[in-house]
N, C-alpha and C. Protein backbone atom coordinates (compact mmCIF):
# COMPACT_ATOMS: atom_id res chain seq x y z
N MET A 1 102.00 107.66 116.96
CA MET A 1 101.38 108.12 115.75
C MET A 1 100.16 108.98 116.05
N GLY A 2 99.42 108.66 117.07
CA GLY A 2 98.24 109.44 117.40
C GLY A 2 97.11 109.21 116.43
N LEU A 3 96.10 110.01 116.55
CA LEU A 3 94.95 109.91 115.66
C LEU A 3 95.10 110.91 114.52
N PRO A 4 94.61 110.58 113.32
CA PRO A 4 94.79 111.49 112.18
C PRO A 4 93.90 112.71 112.28
N THR A 5 94.37 113.78 111.68
CA THR A 5 93.57 114.99 111.52
C THR A 5 93.46 115.25 110.02
N PRO A 6 92.57 116.13 109.59
CA PRO A 6 92.43 116.41 108.16
C PRO A 6 93.73 116.90 107.50
N ASP A 7 94.64 117.49 108.27
CA ASP A 7 95.89 117.99 107.71
C ASP A 7 96.96 116.92 107.57
N ASP A 8 96.74 115.76 108.17
CA ASP A 8 97.74 114.68 108.12
C ASP A 8 97.71 113.97 106.77
N ASN A 9 98.70 113.15 106.57
CA ASN A 9 98.76 112.28 105.40
C ASN A 9 97.88 111.07 105.70
N LEU A 10 96.60 111.18 105.43
CA LEU A 10 95.64 110.15 105.81
C LEU A 10 95.93 108.82 105.13
N LYS A 11 96.31 108.86 103.85
CA LYS A 11 96.62 107.61 103.13
C LYS A 11 97.82 106.91 103.77
N GLY A 12 98.86 107.65 104.09
CA GLY A 12 100.03 107.08 104.75
C GLY A 12 99.69 106.53 106.12
N TYR A 13 98.83 107.23 106.82
CA TYR A 13 98.39 106.79 108.14
C TYR A 13 97.64 105.46 108.04
N ILE A 14 96.71 105.37 107.10
CA ILE A 14 95.92 104.15 106.93
C ILE A 14 96.81 102.99 106.51
N ASN A 15 97.73 103.22 105.59
CA ASN A 15 98.63 102.15 105.14
C ASN A 15 99.59 101.70 106.24
N GLY A 16 99.93 102.59 107.16
CA GLY A 16 100.90 102.26 108.19
C GLY A 16 100.31 101.75 109.48
N GLN A 17 99.01 101.78 109.61
CA GLN A 17 98.43 101.38 110.89
C GLN A 17 98.22 99.87 111.00
N LEU A 18 98.26 99.42 112.20
CA LEU A 18 98.12 98.00 112.51
C LEU A 18 96.67 97.54 112.48
N LEU A 19 95.74 98.43 112.64
CA LEU A 19 94.34 98.07 112.84
C LEU A 19 93.71 97.30 111.69
N THR A 20 94.34 97.29 110.53
CA THR A 20 93.79 96.54 109.40
C THR A 20 94.57 95.26 109.12
N ARG A 21 95.53 94.94 109.96
CA ARG A 21 96.43 93.81 109.69
C ARG A 21 96.28 92.72 110.75
N TYR A 22 95.11 92.21 110.89
CA TYR A 22 94.82 91.24 111.93
C TYR A 22 94.57 89.83 111.41
N SER A 23 94.33 89.65 110.13
CA SER A 23 93.88 88.36 109.62
C SER A 23 94.87 87.22 109.86
N GLY A 24 96.15 87.49 109.87
CA GLY A 24 97.14 86.45 110.10
C GLY A 24 97.18 85.94 111.53
N LEU A 25 96.43 86.57 112.43
CA LEU A 25 96.43 86.17 113.83
C LEU A 25 95.28 85.24 114.18
N LYS A 26 94.43 84.92 113.22
CA LYS A 26 93.20 84.17 113.50
C LYS A 26 93.45 82.88 114.27
N HIS A 27 94.45 82.12 113.94
CA HIS A 27 94.68 80.83 114.60
C HIS A 27 96.05 80.80 115.28
N LYS A 28 96.47 81.94 115.79
CA LYS A 28 97.77 82.06 116.45
C LYS A 28 97.56 82.37 117.93
N GLN A 29 98.60 82.13 118.71
CA GLN A 29 98.61 82.56 120.10
C GLN A 29 99.08 84.02 120.11
N TYR A 30 98.38 84.88 120.84
CA TYR A 30 98.73 86.30 120.85
C TYR A 30 98.58 86.84 122.27
N PHE A 31 99.56 87.59 122.71
CA PHE A 31 99.58 88.14 124.07
C PHE A 31 99.83 89.64 123.97
N LEU A 32 98.88 90.44 124.38
CA LEU A 32 98.97 91.90 124.35
C LEU A 32 99.25 92.39 125.77
N ILE A 33 100.37 93.07 125.95
CA ILE A 33 100.79 93.56 127.26
C ILE A 33 101.03 95.06 127.16
N HIS A 34 100.49 95.81 128.15
CA HIS A 34 100.65 97.26 128.07
C HIS A 34 100.56 97.89 129.46
N GLY A 35 101.39 98.87 129.71
CA GLY A 35 101.29 99.70 130.91
C GLY A 35 100.39 100.89 130.63
N THR A 36 99.49 101.19 131.54
CA THR A 36 98.51 102.25 131.29
C THR A 36 99.12 103.65 131.33
N PHE A 37 100.33 103.78 131.87
CA PHE A 37 101.00 105.08 131.95
C PHE A 37 102.10 105.22 130.90
N ASP A 38 102.08 104.36 129.90
CA ASP A 38 103.08 104.38 128.82
C ASP A 38 102.90 105.65 128.00
N ASP A 39 103.95 106.45 127.89
CA ASP A 39 103.86 107.66 127.07
C ASP A 39 104.56 107.50 125.73
N ASN A 40 105.11 106.32 125.45
CA ASN A 40 105.68 106.03 124.13
C ASN A 40 104.61 105.47 123.20
N VAL A 41 103.88 104.51 123.70
CA VAL A 41 102.75 103.92 122.97
C VAL A 41 101.54 104.12 123.87
N HIS A 42 100.62 104.95 123.46
CA HIS A 42 99.50 105.30 124.33
C HIS A 42 98.58 104.11 124.52
N TYR A 43 98.07 103.99 125.73
CA TYR A 43 97.21 102.86 126.09
C TYR A 43 95.98 102.78 125.18
N GLN A 44 95.50 103.92 124.73
CA GLN A 44 94.34 103.96 123.83
C GLN A 44 94.60 103.13 122.58
N GLN A 45 95.83 103.10 122.10
CA GLN A 45 96.15 102.32 120.90
C GLN A 45 96.00 100.83 121.15
N SER A 46 96.39 100.36 122.33
CA SER A 46 96.19 98.95 122.66
C SER A 46 94.70 98.63 122.77
N MET A 47 93.94 99.56 123.31
CA MET A 47 92.50 99.32 123.43
C MET A 47 91.84 99.29 122.05
N MET A 48 92.29 100.14 121.15
CA MET A 48 91.76 100.11 119.78
C MET A 48 92.11 98.79 119.11
N TRP A 49 93.33 98.30 119.32
CA TRP A 49 93.78 97.04 118.74
C TRP A 49 92.98 95.87 119.31
N SER A 50 92.78 95.86 120.63
CA SER A 50 92.03 94.76 121.24
C SER A 50 90.58 94.75 120.74
N LYS A 51 90.03 95.91 120.50
CA LYS A 51 88.67 96.01 119.96
C LYS A 51 88.60 95.38 118.57
N VAL A 52 89.60 95.63 117.74
CA VAL A 52 89.66 95.03 116.40
C VAL A 52 89.74 93.51 116.52
N LEU A 53 90.59 93.01 117.39
CA LEU A 53 90.73 91.57 117.57
C LEU A 53 89.42 90.95 118.04
N GLU A 54 88.78 91.57 119.01
CA GLU A 54 87.51 91.06 119.54
C GLU A 54 86.43 91.03 118.47
N ARG A 55 86.31 92.10 117.72
CA ARG A 55 85.25 92.18 116.70
C ARG A 55 85.49 91.24 115.53
N ASN A 56 86.71 90.75 115.40
CA ASN A 56 87.03 89.78 114.35
C ASN A 56 87.22 88.37 114.91
N ASP A 57 86.74 88.16 116.12
CA ASP A 57 86.73 86.86 116.78
C ASP A 57 88.12 86.22 116.82
N ILE A 58 89.10 87.04 117.14
CA ILE A 58 90.47 86.55 117.30
C ILE A 58 90.76 86.45 118.79
N LEU A 59 91.00 85.22 119.25
CA LEU A 59 91.27 85.01 120.66
C LEU A 59 92.68 85.48 120.99
N PHE A 60 92.81 86.11 122.14
CA PHE A 60 94.11 86.60 122.57
C PHE A 60 94.10 86.77 124.08
N ARG A 61 95.27 86.88 124.63
CA ARG A 61 95.43 87.14 126.06
C ARG A 61 95.86 88.59 126.20
N GLN A 62 95.32 89.26 127.20
CA GLN A 62 95.64 90.67 127.41
C GLN A 62 96.01 90.91 128.87
N LEU A 63 97.07 91.66 129.07
CA LEU A 63 97.53 91.98 130.41
C LEU A 63 97.84 93.47 130.47
N SER A 64 97.14 94.17 131.35
CA SER A 64 97.36 95.61 131.54
C SER A 64 97.99 95.83 132.90
N TYR A 65 98.97 96.71 132.93
CA TYR A 65 99.64 97.07 134.17
C TYR A 65 99.28 98.51 134.53
N PRO A 66 98.40 98.71 135.53
CA PRO A 66 98.00 100.06 135.92
C PRO A 66 99.18 100.90 136.39
N ASP A 67 99.23 102.11 135.90
CA ASP A 67 100.24 103.11 136.29
C ASP A 67 101.67 102.73 135.95
N GLU A 68 101.87 101.78 135.05
CA GLU A 68 103.22 101.40 134.62
C GLU A 68 103.55 102.09 133.31
N ASP A 69 104.82 102.52 133.18
CA ASP A 69 105.25 103.17 131.95
C ASP A 69 105.76 102.13 130.95
N HIS A 70 106.40 102.59 129.91
CA HIS A 70 106.84 101.72 128.81
C HIS A 70 107.80 100.62 129.26
N SER A 71 108.60 100.90 130.27
CA SER A 71 109.61 99.92 130.71
C SER A 71 109.02 98.81 131.58
N LEU A 72 107.85 99.02 132.13
CA LEU A 72 107.22 98.04 133.03
C LEU A 72 108.17 97.65 134.16
N GLY A 73 108.96 98.60 134.61
CA GLY A 73 110.03 98.34 135.56
C GLY A 73 109.61 97.82 136.92
N LEU A 74 108.46 98.25 137.42
CA LEU A 74 108.06 97.84 138.77
C LEU A 74 107.34 96.50 138.80
N VAL A 75 107.05 95.94 137.64
CA VAL A 75 106.29 94.68 137.59
C VAL A 75 107.03 93.59 136.83
N ARG A 76 108.33 93.76 136.69
CA ARG A 76 109.10 92.79 135.88
C ARG A 76 108.94 91.34 136.34
N PRO A 77 109.01 91.03 137.64
CA PRO A 77 108.84 89.62 138.02
C PRO A 77 107.50 89.05 137.54
N HIS A 78 106.43 89.82 137.73
CA HIS A 78 105.11 89.37 137.27
C HIS A 78 105.07 89.24 135.75
N LEU A 79 105.64 90.21 135.07
CA LEU A 79 105.69 90.18 133.61
C LEU A 79 106.43 88.94 133.12
N TYR A 80 107.59 88.67 133.68
CA TYR A 80 108.38 87.51 133.24
C TYR A 80 107.68 86.19 133.54
N HIS A 81 107.02 86.09 134.68
CA HIS A 81 106.26 84.87 134.98
C HIS A 81 105.09 84.71 134.01
N SER A 82 104.45 85.80 133.68
CA SER A 82 103.33 85.75 132.73
C SER A 82 103.82 85.33 131.35
N LEU A 83 104.94 85.89 130.91
CA LEU A 83 105.51 85.51 129.62
C LEU A 83 105.95 84.04 129.61
N GLU A 84 106.54 83.61 130.71
CA GLU A 84 106.98 82.22 130.81
C GLU A 84 105.78 81.27 130.70
N ASN A 85 104.70 81.57 131.40
CA ASN A 85 103.49 80.74 131.33
C ASN A 85 102.91 80.73 129.92
N PHE A 86 102.89 81.89 129.29
CA PHE A 86 102.36 81.98 127.93
C PHE A 86 103.19 81.14 126.97
N LEU A 87 104.50 81.26 127.05
CA LEU A 87 105.37 80.49 126.15
C LEU A 87 105.30 78.99 126.44
N ASP A 88 105.14 78.62 127.71
CA ASP A 88 104.94 77.21 128.04
C ASP A 88 103.69 76.67 127.37
N GLU A 89 102.62 77.46 127.38
CA GLU A 89 101.38 77.05 126.71
C GLU A 89 101.57 76.97 125.20
N CYS A 90 102.27 77.93 124.64
CA CYS A 90 102.50 77.94 123.19
C CYS A 90 103.27 76.71 122.74
N PHE A 91 104.27 76.34 123.52
CA PHE A 91 105.13 75.23 123.14
C PHE A 91 104.78 73.94 123.88
N GLU A 92 103.67 73.98 124.60
CA GLU A 92 103.14 72.80 125.31
C GLU A 92 104.22 72.10 126.13
N THR A 93 104.90 72.88 126.96
CA THR A 93 105.99 72.31 127.75
C THR A 93 105.53 71.83 129.12
N LYS A 94 104.30 72.14 129.48
CA LYS A 94 103.79 71.69 130.79
C LYS A 94 102.54 70.87 130.61
């Protein structure tokens, strides 16, 4: 989506963005994962989202993969172990 310009549909942009839809996460487990070389979803968008969560005192886990693209192909074992640990904590299996 990128950042809005004066020529964009600003109302549609504001209504469609995630940055205002954080309140339901206040007491939830949340895991934000992103590759810094992702060209589908720019890393800046994850940083903007994490800033919103932090400023609204919403606890979350964040994992960044340097130089990884959208597929996270070179770090899959680490990604899957991280997801497994997160889900174990969510469902208190350990």
